[in-house]
Amino acid sequence: MTPPQPPRNITLAQSFWYAMRGIWLVARSERNFQLHLAAVVCVVPLAIVVGCSAQDWAILCLAMGMVLVAEILNTAIETVVDFFSPEYHPLAGRAKDIAAGGVLLAALTAVAVASWILFIPLYYWIRG
């Protein structure tokens, strides 16, 4: 049985601040997160141009959010693994590869979703 932990004396505002700081740290330092943000910056105007429905917007936002969350979790996993295993270890490498695979799967899914939602309307928009 673990001993009770002392209560954390942080406010809700502090919790949000720490979370925003975490997003900012990843956005500032992780190239792949920046690439995913660039994809979002490309998809949003396309969705506006083709006049996506509310349902399409919801699906696109979920797909884009899924990729960004997966990248943040991957970064967190890699950071913890690097902390506990500064020298190469096969299990550390495996954990990092698996986390990266999760990001790749999320990104491929988001590309499929965006293609499905945007391709035909964009085709007709280009044709005039």
N, C-alpha and C. Protein backbone atom coordinates (compact mmCIF):
# COMPACT_ATOMS: atom_id res chain seq x y z
N MET A 1 0.85 -1.18 0.00
CA MET A 1 0.00 0.00 0.00
C MET A 1 0.90 1.24 0.00
N THR A 2 0.59 2.17 -0.89
CA THR A 2 1.42 3.38 -0.98
C THR A 2 0.93 4.42 0.00
N PRO A 3 1.85 5.18 0.57
CA PRO A 3 1.42 6.22 1.51
C PRO A 3 0.67 7.33 0.77
N PRO A 4 -0.22 7.99 1.46
CA PRO A 4 -0.96 9.08 0.80
C PRO A 4 -0.02 10.21 0.39
N GLN A 5 -0.31 10.78 -0.75
CA GLN A 5 0.49 11.87 -1.27
C GLN A 5 -0.02 13.20 -0.73
N PRO A 6 0.86 14.15 -0.53
CA PRO A 6 0.40 15.47 -0.08
C PRO A 6 -0.44 16.12 -1.17
N PRO A 7 -1.44 16.90 -0.80
CA PRO A 7 -2.27 17.53 -1.82
C PRO A 7 -1.45 18.51 -2.65
N ARG A 8 -1.79 18.59 -3.90
CA ARG A 8 -1.12 19.54 -4.79
C ARG A 8 -1.84 20.86 -4.67
N ASN A 9 -1.11 21.87 -4.36
CA ASN A 9 -1.70 23.19 -4.15
C ASN A 9 -1.52 24.08 -5.38
N ILE A 10 -2.01 23.59 -6.51
CA ILE A 10 -1.98 24.44 -7.69
C ILE A 10 -3.41 24.77 -8.09
N THR A 11 -3.57 25.94 -8.62
CA THR A 11 -4.91 26.38 -9.02
C THR A 11 -5.24 25.86 -10.41
N LEU A 12 -6.49 25.98 -10.77
CA LEU A 12 -6.93 25.60 -12.11
C LEU A 12 -6.21 26.44 -13.15
N ALA A 13 -6.06 27.73 -12.87
CA ALA A 13 -5.35 28.62 -13.79
C ALA A 13 -3.90 28.16 -13.98
N GLN A 14 -3.25 27.73 -12.90
CA GLN A 14 -1.87 27.24 -13.01
C GLN A 14 -1.83 25.96 -13.85
N SER A 15 -2.81 25.10 -13.68
CA SER A 15 -2.88 23.87 -14.48
C SER A 15 -2.95 24.19 -15.96
N PHE A 16 -3.82 25.15 -16.31
CA PHE A 16 -3.92 25.55 -17.72
C PHE A 16 -2.62 26.17 -18.20
N TRP A 17 -1.98 26.98 -17.35
CA TRP A 17 -0.72 27.60 -17.72
C TRP A 17 0.33 26.54 -18.03
N TYR A 18 0.44 25.51 -17.18
CA TYR A 18 1.41 24.45 -17.41
C TYR A 18 1.11 23.70 -18.72
N ALA A 19 -0.17 23.46 -18.96
CA ALA A 19 -0.56 22.77 -20.19
C ALA A 19 -0.21 23.60 -21.43
N MET A 20 -0.51 24.88 -21.38
CA MET A 20 -0.18 25.77 -22.50
C MET A 20 1.34 25.86 -22.69
N ARG A 21 2.06 25.88 -21.59
CA ARG A 21 3.52 25.89 -21.65
C ARG A 21 4.04 24.63 -22.33
N GLY A 22 3.42 23.50 -22.02
CA GLY A 22 3.82 22.24 -22.66
C GLY A 22 3.59 22.27 -24.16
N ILE A 23 2.43 22.79 -24.57
CA ILE A 23 2.14 22.89 -26.01
C ILE A 23 3.16 23.82 -26.67
N TRP A 24 3.44 24.96 -26.02
CA TRP A 24 4.40 25.92 -26.56
C TRP A 24 5.79 25.30 -26.68
N LEU A 25 6.21 24.53 -25.67
CA LEU A 25 7.52 23.90 -25.72
C LEU A 25 7.63 22.94 -26.90
N VAL A 26 6.60 22.16 -27.12
CA VAL A 26 6.61 21.22 -28.24
C VAL A 26 6.58 21.98 -29.57
N ALA A 27 5.72 22.99 -29.66
CA ALA A 27 5.60 23.75 -30.91
C ALA A 27 6.91 24.46 -31.25
N ARG A 28 7.62 24.89 -30.25
CA ARG A 28 8.86 25.63 -30.46
C ARG A 28 10.05 24.73 -30.78
N SER A 29 10.02 23.50 -30.27
CA SER A 29 11.24 22.69 -30.35
C SER A 29 11.14 21.43 -31.22
N GLU A 30 9.95 21.02 -31.58
CA GLU A 30 9.81 19.75 -32.30
C GLU A 30 9.44 19.96 -33.76
N ARG A 31 10.38 19.62 -34.64
CA ARG A 31 10.17 19.82 -36.08
C ARG A 31 8.92 19.12 -36.59
N ASN A 32 8.68 17.89 -36.17
CA ASN A 32 7.52 17.17 -36.67
C ASN A 32 6.21 17.82 -36.23
N PHE A 33 6.17 18.35 -35.02
CA PHE A 33 4.97 19.06 -34.57
C PHE A 33 4.75 20.29 -35.45
N GLN A 34 5.84 20.97 -35.78
CA GLN A 34 5.75 22.15 -36.64
C GLN A 34 5.23 21.77 -38.03
N LEU A 35 5.66 20.61 -38.54
CA LEU A 35 5.15 20.14 -39.84
C LEU A 35 3.66 19.83 -39.77
N HIS A 36 3.23 19.25 -38.67
CA HIS A 36 1.81 18.95 -38.51
C HIS A 36 1.00 20.24 -38.40
N LEU A 37 1.55 21.23 -37.71
CA LEU A 37 0.87 22.54 -37.64
C LEU A 37 0.79 23.18 -39.03
N ALA A 38 1.83 23.03 -39.82
CA ALA A 38 1.81 23.56 -41.19
C ALA A 38 0.72 22.87 -42.01
N ALA A 39 0.54 21.58 -41.80
CA ALA A 39 -0.53 20.86 -42.50
C ALA A 39 -1.90 21.41 -42.10
N VAL A 40 -2.06 21.70 -40.81
CA VAL A 40 -3.32 22.30 -40.33
C VAL A 40 -3.54 23.65 -41.01
N VAL A 41 -2.48 24.44 -41.12
CA VAL A 41 -2.57 25.76 -41.76
C VAL A 41 -2.96 25.62 -43.24
N CYS A 42 -2.62 24.51 -43.87
CA CYS A 42 -3.01 24.28 -45.26
C CYS A 42 -4.45 23.74 -45.38
N VAL A 43 -4.81 22.85 -44.48
CA VAL A 43 -6.12 22.20 -44.56
C VAL A 43 -7.25 23.17 -44.24
N VAL A 44 -7.07 24.02 -43.23
CA VAL A 44 -8.15 24.92 -42.80
C VAL A 44 -8.60 25.84 -43.94
N PRO A 45 -7.70 26.54 -44.64
CA PRO A 45 -8.17 27.38 -45.75
C PRO A 45 -8.85 26.57 -46.86
N LEU A 46 -8.34 25.37 -47.14
CA LEU A 46 -8.99 24.53 -48.15
C LEU A 46 -10.41 24.18 -47.73
N ALA A 47 -10.58 23.86 -46.48
CA ALA A 47 -11.92 23.52 -45.98
C ALA A 47 -12.85 24.73 -46.07
N ILE A 48 -12.30 25.91 -45.83
CA ILE A 48 -13.11 27.14 -45.96
C ILE A 48 -13.49 27.36 -47.42
N VAL A 49 -12.53 27.21 -48.32
CA VAL A 49 -12.76 27.45 -49.75
C VAL A 49 -13.83 26.53 -50.31
N VAL A 50 -13.76 25.26 -49.94
CA VAL A 50 -14.73 24.30 -50.50
C VAL A 50 -16.05 24.30 -49.73
N GLY A 51 -16.13 25.07 -48.65
CA GLY A 51 -17.39 25.18 -47.91
C GLY A 51 -17.79 23.92 -47.18
N CYS A 52 -16.89 23.39 -46.39
CA CYS A 52 -17.19 22.16 -45.63
C CYS A 52 -18.40 22.36 -44.72
N SER A 53 -19.15 21.30 -44.56
CA SER A 53 -20.28 21.30 -43.65
C SER A 53 -19.79 21.26 -42.21
N ALA A 54 -20.69 21.49 -41.29
CA ALA A 54 -20.33 21.42 -39.87
C ALA A 54 -19.82 20.02 -39.51
N GLN A 55 -20.45 19.01 -40.08
CA GLN A 55 -20.02 17.64 -39.81
C GLN A 55 -18.61 17.39 -40.36
N ASP A 56 -18.34 17.88 -41.56
CA ASP A 56 -17.00 17.73 -42.13
C ASP A 56 -15.96 18.47 -41.28
N TRP A 57 -16.30 19.68 -40.81
CA TRP A 57 -15.39 20.43 -39.94
C TRP A 57 -15.10 19.65 -38.67
N ALA A 58 -16.14 19.06 -38.10
CA ALA A 58 -15.93 18.29 -36.86
C ALA A 58 -14.98 17.12 -37.10
N ILE A 59 -15.17 16.43 -38.20
CA ILE A 59 -14.32 15.29 -38.52
C ILE A 59 -12.89 15.74 -38.79
N LEU A 60 -12.73 16.82 -39.55
CA LEU A 60 -11.39 17.35 -39.83
C LEU A 60 -10.69 17.79 -38.54
N CYS A 61 -11.43 18.49 -37.68
CA CYS A 61 -10.83 18.95 -36.42
C CYS A 61 -10.41 17.77 -35.55
N LEU A 62 -11.23 16.74 -35.49
CA LEU A 62 -10.85 15.55 -34.72
C LEU A 62 -9.60 14.89 -35.30
N ALA A 63 -9.53 14.79 -36.62
CA ALA A 63 -8.37 14.17 -37.25
C ALA A 63 -7.11 14.99 -37.01
N MET A 64 -7.21 16.31 -37.19
CA MET A 64 -6.05 17.17 -36.97
C MET A 64 -5.63 17.16 -35.50
N GLY A 65 -6.60 17.21 -34.61
CA GLY A 65 -6.30 17.18 -33.18
C GLY A 65 -5.66 15.87 -32.78
N MET A 66 -6.12 14.78 -33.37
CA MET A 66 -5.57 13.46 -33.06
C MET A 66 -4.07 13.43 -33.39
N VAL A 67 -3.70 14.00 -34.53
CA VAL A 67 -2.29 14.00 -34.93
C VAL A 67 -1.46 14.85 -33.97
N LEU A 68 -1.96 16.04 -33.63
CA LEU A 68 -1.21 16.93 -32.74
C LEU A 68 -1.05 16.31 -31.35
N VAL A 69 -2.12 15.70 -30.85
CA VAL A 69 -2.03 15.02 -29.55
C VAL A 69 -1.05 13.85 -29.61
N ALA A 70 -1.11 13.07 -30.69
CA ALA A 70 -0.19 11.93 -30.82
C ALA A 70 1.26 12.42 -30.84
N GLU A 71 1.51 13.53 -31.52
CA GLU A 71 2.88 14.07 -31.57
C GLU A 71 3.34 14.56 -30.19
N ILE A 72 2.43 15.19 -29.46
CA ILE A 72 2.78 15.64 -28.10
C ILE A 72 3.06 14.45 -27.20
N LEU A 73 2.23 13.42 -27.26
CA LEU A 73 2.47 12.23 -26.44
C LEU A 73 3.77 11.53 -26.84
N ASN A 74 4.05 11.49 -28.14
CA ASN A 74 5.30 10.91 -28.61
C ASN A 74 6.49 11.67 -28.04
N THR A 75 6.41 12.99 -28.05
CA THR A 75 7.49 13.80 -27.50
C THR A 75 7.67 13.55 -26.01
N ALA A 76 6.55 13.44 -25.30
CA ALA A 76 6.63 13.17 -23.86
C ALA A 76 7.26 11.81 -23.61
N ILE A 77 6.86 10.81 -24.37
CA ILE A 77 7.43 9.46 -24.20
C ILE A 77 8.92 9.48 -24.50
N GLU A 78 9.30 10.13 -25.59
CA GLU A 78 10.72 10.19 -25.94
C GLU A 78 11.53 10.92 -24.86
N THR A 79 10.96 11.97 -24.30
CA THR A 79 11.65 12.72 -23.25
C THR A 79 11.86 11.86 -22.01
N VAL A 80 10.84 11.14 -21.59
CA VAL A 80 10.96 10.27 -20.41
C VAL A 80 11.93 9.13 -20.67
N VAL A 81 11.85 8.54 -21.86
CA VAL A 81 12.77 7.45 -22.19
C VAL A 81 14.21 7.95 -22.19
N ASP A 82 14.45 9.13 -22.76
CA ASP A 82 15.80 9.69 -22.77
C ASP A 82 16.30 9.98 -21.36
N PHE A 83 15.39 10.39 -20.49
CA PHE A 83 15.77 10.67 -19.11
C PHE A 83 16.21 9.40 -18.39
N PHE A 84 15.42 8.34 -18.55
CA PHE A 84 15.71 7.10 -17.81
C PHE A 84 16.73 6.21 -18.51
N SER A 85 16.93 6.43 -19.80
CA SER A 85 17.88 5.61 -20.54
C SER A 85 18.72 6.50 -21.45
N PRO A 86 19.64 7.29 -20.86
CA PRO A 86 20.44 8.20 -21.67
C PRO A 86 21.34 7.48 -22.67
N GLU A 87 21.74 6.27 -22.35
CA GLU A 87 22.52 5.47 -23.29
C GLU A 87 21.56 4.53 -24.02
N TYR A 88 21.95 4.11 -25.21
CA TYR A 88 21.06 3.27 -26.01
C TYR A 88 20.74 1.97 -25.30
N HIS A 89 19.48 1.61 -25.34
CA HIS A 89 19.01 0.31 -24.86
C HIS A 89 17.94 -0.15 -25.83
N PRO A 90 17.94 -1.42 -26.20
CA PRO A 90 16.96 -1.89 -27.18
C PRO A 90 15.50 -1.62 -26.78
N LEU A 91 15.19 -1.77 -25.50
CA LEU A 91 13.81 -1.51 -25.07
C LEU A 91 13.46 -0.02 -25.15
N ALA A 92 14.44 0.83 -24.88
CA ALA A 92 14.20 2.27 -25.02
C ALA A 92 13.93 2.61 -26.48
N GLY A 93 14.75 2.03 -27.36
CA GLY A 93 14.54 2.25 -28.79
C GLY A 93 13.20 1.72 -29.25
N ARG A 94 12.81 0.58 -28.72
CA ARG A 94 11.51 -0.01 -29.08
C ARG A 94 10.36 0.89 -28.64
N ALA A 95 10.43 1.42 -27.42
CA ALA A 95 9.38 2.31 -26.93
C ALA A 95 9.26 3.54 -27.81
N LYS A 96 10.40 4.11 -28.18
CA LYS A 96 10.39 5.31 -29.02
C LYS A 96 9.85 5.01 -30.41
N ASP A 97 10.23 3.86 -30.97
CA ASP A 97 9.73 3.48 -32.29
C ASP A 97 8.22 3.25 -32.28
N ILE A 98 7.73 2.61 -31.22
CA ILE A 98 6.30 2.36 -31.11
C ILE A 98 5.53 3.67 -30.99
N ALA A 99 6.05 4.61 -30.19
CA ALA A 99 5.39 5.91 -30.05
C ALA A 99 5.38 6.65 -31.39
N ALA A 100 6.50 6.59 -32.11
CA ALA A 100 6.57 7.24 -33.42
C ALA A 100 5.61 6.58 -34.40
N GLY A 101 5.47 5.28 -34.30
CA GLY A 101 4.51 4.57 -35.14
C GLY A 101 3.08 5.02 -34.89
N GLY A 102 2.77 5.32 -33.64
CA GLY A 102 1.44 5.85 -33.32
C GLY A 102 1.19 7.18 -34.00
N VAL A 103 2.20 8.03 -34.04
CA VAL A 103 2.08 9.33 -34.72
C VAL A 103 1.88 9.11 -36.21
N LEU A 104 2.68 8.22 -36.79
CA LEU A 104 2.55 7.95 -38.22
C LEU A 104 1.16 7.43 -38.56
N LEU A 105 0.64 6.53 -37.77
CA LEU A 105 -0.70 6.00 -37.99
C LEU A 105 -1.76 7.10 -37.89
N ALA A 106 -1.63 7.97 -36.89
CA ALA A 106 -2.56 9.09 -36.75
C ALA A 106 -2.47 10.03 -37.95
N ALA A 107 -1.24 10.31 -38.40
CA ALA A 107 -1.06 11.22 -39.54
C ALA A 107 -1.62 10.62 -40.83
N LEU A 108 -1.38 9.35 -41.06
CA LEU A 108 -1.93 8.70 -42.26
C LEU A 108 -3.46 8.69 -42.23
N THR A 109 -4.01 8.46 -41.06
CA THR A 109 -5.47 8.49 -40.92
C THR A 109 -5.99 9.89 -41.22
N ALA A 110 -5.31 10.92 -40.70
CA ALA A 110 -5.74 12.30 -40.95
C ALA A 110 -5.65 12.65 -42.43
N VAL A 111 -4.61 12.19 -43.10
CA VAL A 111 -4.48 12.43 -44.54
C VAL A 111 -5.63 11.76 -45.30
N ALA A 112 -5.95 10.54 -44.90
CA ALA A 112 -7.07 9.84 -45.55
C ALA A 112 -8.38 10.58 -45.32
N VAL A 113 -8.61 11.03 -44.10
CA VAL A 113 -9.84 11.77 -43.78
C VAL A 113 -9.90 13.07 -44.57
N ALA A 114 -8.81 13.83 -44.56
CA ALA A 114 -8.81 15.11 -45.28
C ALA A 114 -8.99 14.88 -46.78
N SER A 115 -8.37 13.86 -47.31
CA SER A 115 -8.53 13.56 -48.73
C SER A 115 -9.98 13.21 -49.05
N TRP A 116 -10.56 12.39 -48.21
CA TRP A 116 -11.94 11.97 -48.42
C TRP A 116 -12.89 13.16 -48.39
N ILE A 117 -12.68 14.06 -47.45
CA ILE A 117 -13.59 15.20 -47.28
C ILE A 117 -13.32 16.31 -48.30
N LEU A 118 -12.05 16.54 -48.64
CA LEU A 118 -11.69 17.71 -49.45
C LEU A 118 -11.48 17.44 -50.93
N PHE A 119 -11.15 16.22 -51.32
CA PHE A 119 -10.75 15.97 -52.69
C PHE A 119 -11.83 16.30 -53.72
N ILE A 120 -13.00 15.74 -53.59
CA ILE A 120 -14.06 15.97 -54.59
C ILE A 120 -14.52 17.42 -54.59
N PRO A 121 -14.83 18.03 -53.43
CA PRO A 121 -15.21 19.45 -53.48
C PRO A 121 -14.11 20.35 -54.05
N LEU A 122 -12.86 20.05 -53.74
CA LEU A 122 -11.75 20.84 -54.25
C LEU A 122 -11.63 20.67 -55.77
N TYR A 123 -11.84 19.46 -56.24
CA TYR A 123 -11.83 19.19 -57.68
C TYR A 123 -12.88 20.05 -58.38
N TYR A 124 -14.09 20.07 -57.87
CA TYR A 124 -15.15 20.87 -58.50
C TYR A 124 -14.90 22.36 -58.34
N TRP A 125 -14.28 22.77 -57.22
CA TRP A 125 -13.97 24.18 -57.03
C TRP A 125 -12.92 24.65 -58.06
N ILE A 126 -11.92 23.80 -58.32
CA ILE A 126 -10.89 24.14 -59.29
C ILE A 126 -11.46 24.20 -60.69
N ARG A 127 -12.34 23.27 -61.02
CA ARG A 127 -12.95 23.23 -62.36
C ARG A 127 -13.88 24.41 -62.59
N GLY A 128 -14.34 25.02 -61.50
CA GLY A 128 -15.20 26.20 -61.61
C GLY A 128 -16.60 25.82 -61.66
